[in-house]
Protein backbone atom coordinates (compact mmCIF):
# COMPACT_ATOMS: atom_id res chain seq x y z
CA MET A 1 -9.51 -4.04 -25.45
CA GLU A 2 -7.82 -2.81 -22.03
CA ARG A 3 -5.08 -1.36 -24.08
CA THR A 4 -7.51 0.51 -26.45
CA VAL A 5 -9.27 1.99 -23.62
CA PHE A 6 -5.99 2.96 -21.86
CA HIS A 7 -4.86 4.82 -25.12
CA HIS A 8 -8.18 6.65 -25.12
CA LEU A 9 -7.54 7.94 -21.61
CA ALA A 10 -3.78 8.44 -22.03
CA LEU A 11 -2.66 9.40 -25.42
CA PRO A 12 -0.22 6.85 -26.96
CA GLN A 13 2.95 7.99 -28.32
CA ARG A 14 1.77 7.48 -31.80
CA LEU A 15 -1.81 8.33 -32.66
CA PRO A 16 -3.66 5.95 -34.65
CA GLY A 17 -4.45 6.99 -38.47
CA ALA A 18 -8.03 5.83 -38.17
CA GLU A 19 -10.92 5.39 -35.71
CA ASP A 20 -10.96 2.19 -33.79
CA ALA A 21 -13.38 -0.45 -35.18
CA ASN A 22 -14.90 -0.93 -31.72
CA ILE A 23 -15.32 2.58 -30.63
CA ASP A 24 -18.76 2.00 -29.25
CA GLU A 25 -17.56 -0.69 -26.84
CA VAL A 26 -14.76 1.57 -25.86
CA GLU A 27 -16.90 4.68 -25.15
CA ALA A 28 -19.22 2.27 -23.19
CA THR A 29 -16.35 1.04 -21.18
CA ILE A 30 -15.08 4.49 -20.36
CA ALA A 31 -18.44 5.60 -19.42
CA GLY A 32 -18.80 2.62 -17.10
CA ARG A 33 -15.63 3.28 -15.45
CA LEU A 34 -16.32 6.86 -14.87
CA VAL A 35 -19.83 5.94 -13.21
CA ALA A 36 -17.99 3.27 -11.21
CA ALA A 37 -15.34 5.91 -10.15
CA CYS A 38 -18.19 8.38 -9.11
CA ARG A 39 -20.01 5.82 -7.13
CA LEU A 40 -16.71 5.10 -5.10
CA MET A 41 -16.05 8.77 -4.69
CA PHE A 42 -19.63 9.25 -3.51
CA ALA A 43 -19.37 6.49 -1.00
CA THR A 44 -16.07 7.63 0.11
CA THR A 45 -17.12 11.23 0.82
CA THR A 46 -20.23 10.03 2.59
CA ALA A 47 -18.58 7.65 4.78
CA PHE A 48 -15.60 9.87 5.81
CA HIS A 49 -16.55 13.65 4.95
CA PRO A 50 -20.48 13.63 5.25
CA ASN A 51 -20.47 17.41 5.62
CA LEU A 52 -17.77 18.45 3.48
CA ALA A 53 -19.19 21.30 1.33
CA SER A 54 -17.90 21.54 -2.30
CA GLY A 55 -17.74 25.43 -2.04
CA PRO A 56 -19.17 28.35 -0.16
CA GLY A 57 -22.93 27.91 0.15
CA GLN A 58 -22.76 24.70 -2.16
CA SER A 59 -24.13 21.14 -1.84
CA THR A 60 -21.84 18.53 -0.04
CA ALA A 61 -19.01 16.93 -1.93
CA SER A 62 -21.01 13.64 -2.08
CA ASP A 63 -23.92 15.44 -3.94
CA THR A 64 -21.45 16.60 -6.42
CA TRP A 65 -20.37 13.20 -7.13
CA SER A 66 -23.93 12.21 -7.46
CA THR A 67 -24.55 15.05 -9.98
CA ILE A 68 -21.42 14.01 -12.13
CA GLU A 69 -22.51 10.23 -12.06
CA ARG A 70 -26.09 11.38 -13.47
CA ALA A 71 -24.47 13.70 -15.99
CA VAL A 72 -22.08 10.58 -17.33
CA SER A 73 -24.86 8.20 -17.44
CA THR A 74 -27.44 10.46 -19.15
CA SER A 75 -24.79 11.74 -21.67
CA HIS A 76 -23.68 8.14 -22.50
CA SER A 77 -27.43 7.39 -23.11
CA VAL A 78 -28.02 10.66 -25.36
CA ASN A 79 -24.72 9.96 -27.28
CA LYS A 80 -24.86 6.23 -28.09
CA GLY A 81 -23.37 5.05 -31.14
CA GLY A 82 -21.41 8.13 -32.01
CA ARG A 83 -24.73 10.07 -32.75
CA ILE A 84 -26.89 12.07 -30.64
CA ASN A 85 -30.30 10.69 -30.17
CA LYS A 86 -32.84 13.66 -30.59
CA PRO A 87 -35.83 12.26 -28.64
CA ARG A 88 -33.34 11.41 -25.63
CA LEU A 89 -31.77 14.79 -26.19
CA LEU A 90 -35.00 16.62 -25.87
CA ALA A 91 -36.12 14.80 -22.91
CA GLN A 92 -32.88 15.62 -21.16
CA LEU A 93 -32.93 19.28 -22.15
CA GLU A 94 -36.47 19.44 -20.65
CA SER A 95 -35.21 17.58 -17.48
CA LEU A 96 -32.25 20.21 -17.43
CA ALA A 97 -34.67 23.16 -17.58
CA ARG A 98 -36.66 21.82 -14.72
CA ALA A 99 -33.70 21.28 -12.54
CA THR A 100 -33.53 23.09 -9.28
CA SER A 101 -30.62 24.61 -7.43
CA SER A 102 -30.90 21.91 -4.73
CA ARG A 103 -30.28 19.17 -7.56
CA PRO A 104 -28.20 20.69 -10.38
CA GLU A 105 -27.92 18.75 -13.67
CA ALA A 106 -25.38 18.82 -16.45
CA LEU A 107 -25.38 17.21 -20.03
CA VAL A 108 -22.45 16.66 -22.21
CA LEU A 109 -22.92 16.30 -26.12
CA HIS A 110 -20.15 14.76 -27.69
CA ILE A 111 -19.44 15.35 -31.41
CA ARG A 112 -17.35 12.24 -32.44
CA ARG A 113 -16.33 13.50 -35.83
CA GLN A 114 -14.99 16.73 -34.40
CA ASN A 115 -13.24 15.15 -31.24
CA ALA A 116 -15.32 17.79 -29.11
CA ALA A 117 -18.00 18.12 -26.76
CA ILE A 118 -20.42 20.74 -25.46
CA LEU A 119 -21.41 20.96 -21.82
CA ILE A 120 -24.83 22.21 -21.15
CA HIS A 121 -25.76 23.13 -17.77
CA LYS A 122 -28.36 25.43 -15.90
CA VAL A 123 -26.79 28.46 -14.31
CA GLN A 124 -27.82 28.92 -10.76
CA LEU A 125 -28.46 32.74 -10.07
């Protein structure tokens, strides 16, 4: 399993001719690792750089990591099993529409058959 996950993150020399049999497990593992990495980065920026801004007039770096963690977790729940769950998608789109500039949100829709993704976020004007 570790080798399969690694090959999804760093392309192997020879690409496989077919989709992995345990692709749902691989995607769950990668999402879990991304969430863990975001939590580590959040803790690190909070502990060592509590006021480090991510950009001019923007939220702190720790807020940014928190936003990325929510996006990964939310997107994983919407995209389970290689399909987009319509009720979860609608609920997340409504949540995204209510998002404020103080708590930005994002959603990633993964289209497995096309090996593509769509990033949806609310533009802050």
